Amino acid sequence: MEPKNVTSFAIGVANIGATAIAEIQFADYIFPSFDQIINEAAKYRYRSGGLFDCGSLTFRVPCGAVGHGALYHSQSPEAYFAHTPGLRVVVPRGPIKAKGLLLACIRDRNPCIVFEPKTLYRAAVEEVPMEYYTSELGKADILRHGKDVTLVGWGTQVHVLLEVAEQAKMNLNIDCEVIDLVSILPWDTNAIFTSAKKTGRVIIAHEAPLTQGFGSELASQIQEKCFLHLEAPVKRVTGWDTPFPHVFEPFYLPDKHRCLSAIKEIVMY
């Protein structure tokens, strides 16, 4: 279905009090709906003085690399939406977190976007509890504790960072803390700042391009709030500032080799 039609219908039914869960086939296809999400859904409560809102409006949006998606089926556009007050933006790392975030978004009284890394549909296998539960929005998860370097990612990249942290410990005796940011908007400043002050070194990794990727916001805030605790500038390992390639996808992604190289560089700074 045409994304603009899906979006406008979902906004309408949410506005009259119904629970709306809209699915956009690929994150790359959400851009025709951009105006409606940004200028309508996100601003209904503000512009009506609290008389109307789009609470219980949730968008499920498959995103990210999948191995053969190329430029129209591989993008990670979370940073576009993170610039918009009134929205919630989250990215699960696996099935358990996906269920908790989806249920939390459905219950939340703000329009929410759940970016689902589509390569994890096949790669991530977990025993998902049958009972009802939610994951707190705006809360990061510390998946591995460490004292030397903080590694921050979300979605698929979290699994890359966990593997890299294990390699760094085994081969370099570098103890990395791995944080799944989970929530892009709002994001967990307390968890990130606390870890940055503890380790003094931070690496942020995401699939989206370097320039104006959400890692830019994290790096800026960390430099501003934790400057006197840092042993090195914040590093980013990201996709390149090019359209997402097809045959060259392995060279585009921030893989374990690039992330491990960044760990070596930041420790030797």
C-alpha atoms as a PDB file:
ATOM      1  CA  MET A   1       0.000   0.000   0.000  1.00  0.00           C
ATOM      2  CA  GLU A   2       1.069   3.573  -0.648  1.00  0.00           C
ATOM      3  CA  PRO A   3       2.862   4.853   2.506  1.00  0.00           C
ATOM      4  CA  LYS A   4       1.052   8.217   2.484  1.00  0.00           C
ATOM      5  CA  ASN A   5      -2.313   6.467   2.539  1.00  0.00           C
ATOM      6  CA  VAL A   6      -1.252   4.156   5.361  1.00  0.00           C
ATOM      7  CA  THR A   7       0.077   7.085   7.384  1.00  0.00           C
ATOM      8  CA  SER A   8      -2.902   9.399   6.884  1.00  0.00           C
ATOM      9  CA  PHE A   9      -5.380   6.657   7.778  1.00  0.00           C
ATOM     10  CA  ALA A  10      -3.391   5.718  10.905  1.00  0.00           C
ATOM     11  CA  ILE A  11      -3.180   9.348  12.049  1.00  0.00           C
ATOM     12  CA  GLY A  12      -6.913   9.771  11.546  1.00  0.00           C
ATOM     13  CA  VAL A  13      -7.991   6.745  13.563  1.00  0.00           C
ATOM     14  CA  ALA A  14      -5.461   7.526  16.321  1.00  0.00           C
ATOM     15  CA  ASN A  15      -6.761  11.084  16.492  1.00  0.00           C
ATOM     16  CA  ILE A  16     -10.271   9.872  17.345  1.00  0.00           C
ATOM     17  CA  GLY A  17      -8.975   7.591  20.098  1.00  0.00           C
ATOM     18  CA  ALA A  18      -8.381   4.237  18.424  1.00  0.00           C
ATOM     19  CA  THR A  19      -5.127   2.274  18.687  1.00  0.00           C
ATOM     20  CA  ALA A  20      -3.334   2.422  15.341  1.00  0.00           C
ATOM     21  CA  ILE A  21      -0.358   0.288  14.333  1.00  0.00           C
ATOM     22  CA  ALA A  22       0.852   1.165  10.853  1.00  0.00           C
ATOM     23  CA  GLU A  23       3.482  -0.802   8.985  1.00  0.00           C
ATOM     24  CA  ILE A  24       5.677   0.821   6.367  1.00  0.00           C
ATOM     25  CA  GLN A  25       7.116  -1.911   4.152  1.00  0.00           C
ATOM     26  CA  PHE A  26      10.679  -0.528   4.258  1.00  0.00           C
ATOM     27  CA  ALA A  27      12.197   2.451   6.054  1.00  0.00           C
ATOM     28  CA  ASP A  28      13.255   3.722   2.626  1.00  0.00           C
ATOM     29  CA  TYR A  29       9.551   4.092   1.751  1.00  0.00           C
ATOM     30  CA  ILE A  30       8.645   6.254   4.745  1.00  0.00           C
ATOM     31  CA  PHE A  31       9.789   9.516   3.161  1.00  0.00           C
ATOM     32  CA  PRO A  32       6.529  10.239   1.254  1.00  0.00           C
ATOM     33  CA  SER A  33       4.901  10.149   4.729  1.00  0.00           C
ATOM     34  CA  PHE A  34       7.475  12.463   6.274  1.00  0.00           C
ATOM     35  CA  ASP A  35       5.322  15.594   6.213  1.00  0.00           C
ATOM     36  CA  GLN A  36       2.346  13.863   7.804  1.00  0.00           C
ATOM     37  CA  ILE A  37       4.410  12.298  10.587  1.00  0.00           C
ATOM     38  CA  ILE A  38       6.471  15.415  11.329  1.00  0.00           C
ATOM     39  CA  ASN A  39       3.916  18.180  10.817  1.00  0.00           C
ATOM     40  CA  GLU A  40       0.709  16.388  11.758  1.00  0.00           C
ATOM     41  CA  ALA A  41       1.166  13.425  14.106  1.00  0.00           C
ATOM     42  CA  ALA A  42       4.040  14.882  16.136  1.00  0.00           C
ATOM     43  CA  LYS A  43       2.378  18.276  16.578  1.00  0.00           C
ATOM     44  CA  TYR A  44      -1.327  17.495  17.123  1.00  0.00           C
ATOM     45  CA  ARG A  45      -1.204  17.839  20.907  1.00  0.00           C
ATOM     46  CA  TYR A  46       0.841  21.053  20.843  1.00  0.00           C
ATOM     47  CA  ARG A  47      -1.153  22.870  18.183  1.00  0.00           C
ATOM     48  CA  SER A  48      -4.511  21.936  19.726  1.00  0.00           C
ATOM     49  CA  GLY A  49      -3.511  22.973  23.224  1.00  0.00           C
ATOM     50  CA  GLY A  50      -3.933  19.418  24.476  1.00  0.00           C
ATOM     51  CA  LEU A  51      -7.439  18.914  23.046  1.00  0.00           C
ATOM     52  CA  PHE A  52      -6.316  16.315  20.501  1.00  0.00           C
ATOM     53  CA  ASP A  53      -3.356  13.999  20.105  1.00  0.00           C
ATOM     54  CA  CYS A  54      -2.153  10.948  18.230  1.00  0.00           C
ATOM     55  CA  GLY A  55      -1.456   8.786  21.250  1.00  0.00           C
ATOM     56  CA  SER A  56      -1.493   5.035  20.584  1.00  0.00           C
ATOM     57  CA  LEU A  57      -0.138   5.629  17.076  1.00  0.00           C
ATOM     58  CA  THR A  58       2.773   3.309  16.343  1.00  0.00           C
ATOM     59  CA  PHE A  59       4.716   2.843  13.117  1.00  0.00           C
ATOM     60  CA  ARG A  60       6.562  -0.428  12.517  1.00  0.00           C
ATOM     61  CA  VAL A  61       9.366   0.263  10.054  1.00  0.00           C
ATOM     62  CA  PRO A  62      11.859  -2.395   8.843  1.00  0.00           C
ATOM     63  CA  CYS A  63      15.249  -0.724   8.391  1.00  0.00           C
ATOM     64  CA  GLY A  64      18.933  -1.265   7.808  1.00  0.00           C
ATOM     65  CA  ALA A  65      21.147  -3.568   5.785  1.00  0.00           C
ATOM     66  CA  VAL A  66      19.876  -6.972   4.761  1.00  0.00           C
ATOM     67  CA  GLY A  67      22.629  -8.303   2.495  1.00  0.00           C
ATOM     68  CA  HIS A  68      21.070  -7.533  -0.879  1.00  0.00           C
ATOM     69  CA  GLY A  69      18.852  -4.483  -0.407  1.00  0.00           C
ATOM     70  CA  ALA A  70      20.982  -1.829  -2.110  1.00  0.00           C
ATOM     71  CA  LEU A  71      20.019   1.830  -2.083  1.00  0.00           C
ATOM     72  CA  TYR A  72      16.207   1.496  -1.827  1.00  0.00           C
ATOM     73  CA  HIS A  73      15.934  -1.243   0.806  1.00  0.00           C
ATOM     74  CA  SER A  74      18.800  -0.678   3.251  1.00  0.00           C
ATOM     75  CA  GLN A  75      18.647   2.819   4.738  1.00  0.00           C
ATOM     76  CA  SER A  76      18.651   3.731   8.439  1.00  0.00           C
ATOM     77  CA  PRO A  77      16.748   7.046   8.698  1.00  0.00           C
ATOM     78  CA  GLU A  78      16.390   7.299  12.479  1.00  0.00           C
ATOM     79  CA  ALA A  79      18.292  10.602  12.658  1.00  0.00           C
ATOM     80  CA  TYR A  80      15.706  12.359  10.460  1.00  0.00           C
ATOM     81  CA  PHE A  81      12.968  11.662  12.998  1.00  0.00           C
ATOM     82  CA  ALA A  82      15.098  12.206  16.105  1.00  0.00           C
ATOM     83  CA  HIS A  83      15.046  15.922  15.228  1.00  0.00           C
ATOM     84  CA  THR A  84      11.304  16.104  15.913  1.00  0.00           C
ATOM     85  CA  PRO A  85       9.821  16.924  19.348  1.00  0.00           C
ATOM     86  CA  GLY A  86       6.638  14.952  19.937  1.00  0.00           C
ATOM     87  CA  LEU A  87       7.854  11.620  18.581  1.00  0.00           C
ATOM     88  CA  ARG A  88       9.286   8.529  20.246  1.00  0.00           C
ATOM     89  CA  VAL A  89      11.888   6.612  18.222  1.00  0.00           C
ATOM     90  CA  VAL A  90      13.213   3.191  19.248  1.00  0.00           C
ATOM     91  CA  VAL A  91      15.318   0.410  17.690  1.00  0.00           C
ATOM     92  CA  PRO A  92      15.228  -3.136  19.145  1.00  0.00           C
ATOM     93  CA  ARG A  93      18.219  -5.483  19.024  1.00  0.00           C
ATOM     94  CA  GLY A  94      16.197  -8.702  19.041  1.00  0.00           C
ATOM     95  CA  PRO A  95      12.786 -10.371  19.499  1.00  0.00           C
ATOM     96  CA  ILE A  96      12.474  -9.991  23.296  1.00  0.00           C
ATOM     97  CA  LYS A  97      13.269  -6.302  23.187  1.00  0.00           C
ATOM     98  CA  ALA A  98      11.109  -5.848  20.084  1.00  0.00           C
ATOM     99  CA  LYS A  99       8.010  -7.151  21.847  1.00  0.00           C
ATOM    100  CA  GLY A 100       8.631  -5.040  24.949  1.00  0.00           C
ATOM    101  CA  LEU A 101       9.228  -1.874  22.937  1.00  0.00           C
ATOM    102  CA  LEU A 102       6.253  -2.447  20.646  1.00  0.00           C
ATOM    103  CA  LEU A 103       3.875  -2.912  23.570  1.00  0.00           C
ATOM    104  CA  ALA A 104       5.350   0.125  25.347  1.00  0.00           C
ATOM    105  CA  CYS A 105       4.891   2.239  22.217  1.00  0.00           C
ATOM    106  CA  ILE A 106       1.287   1.106  21.783  1.00  0.00           C
ATOM    107  CA  ARG A 107       0.567   2.143  25.373  1.00  0.00           C
ATOM    108  CA  ASP A 108       2.463   5.460  25.142  1.00  0.00           C
ATOM    109  CA  ARG A 109       0.459   8.633  24.583  1.00  0.00           C
ATOM    110  CA  ASN A 110       2.825   9.915  21.909  1.00  0.00           C
ATOM    111  CA  PRO A 111       3.248   8.787  18.289  1.00  0.00           C
ATOM    112  CA  CYS A 112       6.060   6.245  18.153  1.00  0.00           C
ATOM    113  CA  ILE A 113       8.292   4.810  15.451  1.00  0.00           C
ATOM    114  CA  VAL A 114       9.787   1.350  15.945  1.00  0.00           C
ATOM    115  CA  PHE A 115      12.646   0.874  13.493  1.00  0.00           C
ATOM    116  CA  GLU A 116      13.108  -2.895  13.193  1.00  0.00           C
ATOM    117  CA  PRO A 117      16.474  -4.039  11.761  1.00  0.00           C
ATOM    118  CA  LYS A 118      15.198  -6.434   9.139  1.00  0.00           C
ATOM    119  CA  THR A 119      18.287  -8.634   8.994  1.00  0.00           C
ATOM    120  CA  LEU A 120      17.446  -9.638  12.584  1.00  0.00           C
ATOM    121  CA  TYR A 121      14.110 -11.101  11.424  1.00  0.00           C
ATOM    122  CA  ARG A 122      16.115 -14.160  10.379  1.00  0.00           C
ATOM    123  CA  ALA A 123      19.286 -13.863  12.441  1.00  0.00           C
ATOM    124  CA  ALA A 124      18.009 -13.137  15.966  1.00  0.00           C
ATOM    125  CA  VAL A 125      16.571 -16.150  17.792  1.00  0.00           C
ATOM    126  CA  GLU A 126      15.277 -15.786  21.350  1.00  0.00           C
ATOM    127  CA  GLU A 127      12.648 -17.352  23.580  1.00  0.00           C
ATOM    128  CA  VAL A 128      10.104 -14.542  23.814  1.00  0.00           C
ATOM    129  CA  PRO A 129       7.941 -14.647  26.978  1.00  0.00           C
ATOM    130  CA  MET A 130       4.260 -15.256  26.293  1.00  0.00           C
ATOM    131  CA  GLU A 131       3.071 -12.906  29.024  1.00  0.00           C
ATOM    132  CA  TYR A 132       2.498  -9.179  28.614  1.00  0.00           C
ATOM    133  CA  TYR A 133       5.507  -6.976  29.388  1.00  0.00           C
ATOM    134  CA  THR A 134       6.916  -3.645  28.265  1.00  0.00           C
ATOM    135  CA  SER A 135      10.401  -2.181  27.901  1.00  0.00           C
ATOM    136  CA  GLU A 136      10.924   1.299  29.290  1.00  0.00           C
ATOM    137  CA  LEU A 137      11.170   3.957  26.594  1.00  0.00           C
ATOM    138  CA  GLY A 138      14.180   6.215  26.930  1.00  0.00           C
ATOM    139  CA  LYS A 139      16.193   3.566  28.783  1.00  0.00           C
ATOM    140  CA  ALA A 140      19.480   2.143  27.476  1.00  0.00           C
ATOM    141  CA  ASP A 141      20.701  -1.373  28.275  1.00  0.00           C
ATOM    142  CA  ILE A 142      24.230  -2.056  29.504  1.00  0.00           C
ATOM    143  CA  LEU A 143      24.938  -5.467  27.987  1.00  0.00           C
ATOM    144  CA  ARG A 144      28.560  -5.814  29.045  1.00  0.00           C
ATOM    145  CA  HIS A 145      30.379  -3.950  31.796  1.00  0.00           C
ATOM    146  CA  GLY A 146      33.908  -2.698  31.253  1.00  0.00           C
ATOM    147  CA  LYS A 147      36.411  -0.079  32.401  1.00  0.00           C
ATOM    148  CA  ASP A 148      38.533   0.895  29.373  1.00  0.00           C
ATOM    149  CA  VAL A 149      36.258   1.854  26.448  1.00  0.00           C
ATOM    150  CA  THR A 150      32.524   2.474  26.063  1.00  0.00           C
ATOM    151  CA  LEU A 151      30.961   1.068  22.894  1.00  0.00           C
ATOM    152  CA  VAL A 152      27.529   2.472  21.984  1.00  0.00           C
ATOM    153  CA  GLY A 153      25.231   1.149  19.275  1.00  0.00           C
ATOM    154  CA  TRP A 154      21.652   0.177  18.517  1.00  0.00           C
ATOM    155  CA  GLY A 155      19.863  -2.448  16.478  1.00  0.00           C
ATOM    156  CA  THR A 156      22.052  -4.822  14.483  1.00  0.00           C
ATOM    157  CA  GLN A 157      25.206  -2.950  15.442  1.00  0.00           C
ATOM    158  CA  VAL A 158      24.856  -4.058  19.059  1.00  0.00           C
ATOM    159  CA  HIS A 159      25.684  -7.631  18.050  1.00  0.00           C
ATOM    160  CA  VAL A 160      28.762  -6.438  16.166  1.00  0.00           C
ATOM    161  CA  LEU A 161      29.943  -4.492  19.229  1.00  0.00           C
ATOM    162  CA  LEU A 162      29.453  -7.464  21.563  1.00  0.00           C
ATOM    163  CA  GLU A 163      31.651  -9.590  19.305  1.00  0.00           C
ATOM    164  CA  VAL A 164      34.230  -6.821  19.066  1.00  0.00           C
ATOM    165  CA  ALA A 165      34.289  -6.390  22.854  1.00  0.00           C
ATOM    166  CA  GLU A 166      35.024 -10.093  23.237  1.00  0.00           C
ATOM    167  CA  GLN A 167      37.859  -9.898  20.713  1.00  0.00           C
ATOM    168  CA  ALA A 168      39.313  -6.799  22.364  1.00  0.00           C
ATOM    169  CA  LYS A 169      39.376  -8.559  25.722  1.00  0.00           C
ATOM    170  CA  MET A 170      40.898 -11.783  24.398  1.00  0.00           C
ATOM    171  CA  ASN A 171      43.458 -10.336  22.001  1.00  0.00           C
ATOM    172  CA  LEU A 172      44.257  -6.882  23.394  1.00  0.00           C
ATOM    173  CA  ASN A 173      43.302  -7.156  27.071  1.00  0.00           C
ATOM    174  CA  ILE A 174      41.043  -4.126  26.602  1.00  0.00           C
ATOM    175  CA  ASP A 175      37.918  -4.189  28.736  1.00  0.00           C
ATOM    176  CA  CYS A 176      34.968  -2.695  26.828  1.00  0.00           C
ATOM    177  CA  GLU A 177      31.561  -1.674  28.118  1.00  0.00           C
ATOM    178  CA  VAL A 178      28.801  -2.272  25.562  1.00  0.00           C
ATOM    179  CA  ILE A 179      25.622  -0.180  25.662  1.00  0.00           C
ATOM    180  CA  ASP A 180      22.537  -0.721  23.538  1.00  0.00           C
ATOM    181  CA  LEU A 181      21.029   2.752  23.261  1.00  0.00           C
ATOM    182  CA  VAL A 182      17.612   1.178  22.431  1.00  0.00           C
ATOM    183  CA  SER A 183      15.782   4.511  22.453  1.00  0.00           C
ATOM    184  CA  ILE A 184      16.840   7.211  20.004  1.00  0.00           C
ATOM    185  CA  LEU A 185      14.252   9.758  21.111  1.00  0.00           C
ATOM    186  CA  PRO A 186      14.412  10.295  24.003  1.00  0.00           C
ATOM    187  CA  TRP A 187      17.830   8.790  24.672  1.00  0.00           C
ATOM    188  CA  ASP A 188      19.338   7.753  27.991  1.00  0.00           C
ATOM    189  CA  THR A 189      21.789  10.557  28.780  1.00  0.00           C
ATOM    190  CA  ASN A 190      22.409   9.259  32.291  1.00  0.00           C
ATOM    191  CA  ALA A 191      23.595   5.814  31.164  1.00  0.00           C
ATOM    192  CA  ILE A 192      25.823   7.197  28.423  1.00  0.00           C
ATOM    193  CA  PHE A 193      27.366   9.993  30.508  1.00  0.00           C
ATOM    194  CA  THR A 194      27.999   7.692  33.478  1.00  0.00           C
ATOM    195  CA  SER A 195      29.795   5.166  31.293  1.00  0.00           C
ATOM    196  CA  ALA A 196      31.768   7.852  29.443  1.00  0.00           C
ATOM    197  CA  LYS A 197      33.005   9.316  32.723  1.00  0.00           C
ATOM    198  CA  LYS A 198      34.005   5.847  33.927  1.00  0.00           C
ATOM    199  CA  THR A 199      35.956   4.686  30.879  1.00  0.00           C
ATOM    200  CA  GLY A 200      37.087   8.047  29.472  1.00  0.00           C
ATOM    201  CA  ARG A 201      36.819   6.692  25.912  1.00  0.00           C
ATOM    202  CA  VAL A 202      33.679   6.355  23.772  1.00  0.00           C
ATOM    203  CA  ILE A 203      33.080   4.791  20.365  1.00  0.00           C
ATOM    204  CA  ILE A 204      29.689   5.113  18.669  1.00  0.00           C
ATOM    205  CA  ALA A 205      28.783   2.799  15.793  1.00  0.00           C
ATOM    206  CA  HIS A 206      25.775   2.898  13.470  1.00  0.00           C
ATOM    207  CA  GLU A 207      24.901   1.897   9.896  1.00  0.00           C
ATOM    208  CA  ALA A 208      23.632   5.315   8.810  1.00  0.00           C
ATOM    209  CA  PRO A 209      26.072   7.726   7.107  1.00  0.00           C
ATOM    210  CA  LEU A 210      28.603   9.621   9.201  1.00  0.00           C
ATOM    211  CA  THR A 211      27.452  13.193   8.534  1.00  0.00           C
ATOM    212  CA  GLN A 212      24.491  14.117  10.760  1.00  0.00           C
ATOM    213  CA  GLY A 213      23.964  10.512  11.815  1.00  0.00           C
ATOM    214  CA  PHE A 214      22.554  10.225  15.331  1.00  0.00           C
ATOM    215  CA  GLY A 215      26.057   9.469  16.553  1.00  0.00           C
ATOM    216  CA  SER A 216      26.800  13.153  15.935  1.00  0.00           C
ATOM    217  CA  GLU A 217      24.313  14.148  18.643  1.00  0.00           C
ATOM    218  CA  LEU A 218      25.718  11.614  21.089  1.00  0.00           C
ATOM    219  CA  ALA A 219      29.295  12.701  20.430  1.00  0.00           C
ATOM    220  CA  SER A 220      28.423  16.378  20.834  1.00  0.00           C
ATOM    221  CA  GLN A 221      26.618  15.862  24.129  1.00  0.00           C
ATOM    222  CA  ILE A 222      29.349  13.598  25.511  1.00  0.00           C
ATOM    223  CA  GLN A 223      32.036  16.141  24.618  1.00  0.00           C
ATOM    224  CA  GLU A 224      29.979  18.898  26.248  1.00  0.00           C
ATOM    225  CA  LYS A 225      28.978  17.090  29.449  1.00  0.00           C
ATOM    226  CA  CYS A 226      31.936  14.757  30.030  1.00  0.00           C
ATOM    227  CA  PHE A 227      34.871  16.682  28.556  1.00  0.00           C
ATOM    228  CA  LEU A 228      37.058  16.746  31.674  1.00  0.00           C
ATOM    229  CA  HIS A 229      36.669  12.976  32.084  1.00  0.00           C
ATOM    230  CA  LEU A 230      37.672  12.019  28.539  1.00  0.00           C
ATOM    231  CA  GLU A 231      41.051  10.514  27.674  1.00  0.00           C
ATOM    232  CA  ALA A 232      40.448  10.833  23.917  1.00  0.00           C
ATOM    233  CA  PRO A 233      37.976  12.437  21.490  1.00  0.00           C
ATOM    234  CA  VAL A 234      34.769  10.519  20.894  1.00  0.00           C
ATOM    235  CA  LYS A 235      35.067   8.294  17.801  1.00  0.00           C
ATOM    236  CA  ARG A 236      32.361   7.278  15.357  1.00  0.00           C
ATOM    237  CA  VAL A 237      32.376   4.167  13.169  1.00  0.00           C
ATOM    238  CA  THR A 238      29.559   4.420  10.655  1.00  0.00           C
ATOM    239  CA  GLY A 239      28.363   3.953   7.129  1.00  0.00           C
ATOM    240  CA  TRP A 240      29.945   6.181   4.512  1.00  0.00           C
ATOM    241  CA  ASP A 241      28.535   9.419   3.086  1.00  0.00           C
ATOM    242  CA  THR A 242      27.334   7.698  -0.087  1.00  0.00           C
ATOM    243  CA  PRO A 243      24.122   6.038  -1.240  1.00  0.00           C
ATOM    244  CA  PHE A 244      23.866   2.530   0.187  1.00  0.00           C
ATOM    245  CA  PRO A 245      25.664   0.200  -2.248  1.00  0.00           C
ATOM    246  CA  HIS A 246      24.664  -3.250  -3.458  1.00  0.00           C
ATOM    247  CA  VAL A 247      27.704  -5.389  -4.243  1.00  0.00           C
ATOM    248  CA  PHE A 248      29.927  -3.243  -1.981  1.00  0.00           C
ATOM    249  CA  GLU A 249      27.671  -3.516   1.098  1.00  0.00           C
ATOM    250  CA  PRO A 250      30.338  -5.362   3.160  1.00  0.00           C
ATOM    251  CA  PHE A 251      32.681  -2.405   2.678  1.00  0.00           C
ATOM    252  CA  TYR A 252      29.992   0.107   3.629  1.00  0.00           C
ATOM    253  CA  LEU A 253      28.973  -1.360   6.982  1.00  0.00           C
ATOM    254  CA  PRO A 254      30.810  -0.613  10.263  1.00  0.00           C
ATOM    255  CA  ASP A 255      31.919  -4.219  10.686  1.00  0.00           C
ATOM    256  CA  LYS A 256      33.935  -5.815  13.475  1.00  0.00           C
ATOM    257  CA  HIS A 257      37.254  -5.051  11.758  1.00  0.00           C
ATOM    258  CA  ARG A 258      36.595  -1.313  11.559  1.00  0.00           C
ATOM    259  CA  CYS A 259      35.266  -1.236  15.137  1.00  0.00           C
ATOM    260  CA  LEU A 260      38.257  -3.151  16.502  1.00  0.00           C
ATOM    261  CA  SER A 261      40.594  -0.779  14.682  1.00  0.00           C
ATOM    262  CA  ALA A 262      38.786   2.151  16.323  1.00  0.00           C
ATOM    263  CA  ILE A 263      39.311   0.583  19.761  1.00  0.00           C
ATOM    264  CA  LYS A 264      43.058   0.309  19.113  1.00  0.00           C
ATOM    265  CA  GLU A 265      43.220   3.926  17.946  1.00  0.00           C
ATOM    266  CA  ILE A 266      41.280   5.392  20.858  1.00  0.00           C
ATOM    267  CA  VAL A 267      43.330   3.479  23.446  1.00  0.00           C
ATOM    268  CA  MET A 268      46.600   4.592  21.836  1.00  0.00           C
ATOM    269  CA  TYR A 269      45.518   8.240  21.539  1.00  0.00           C
END
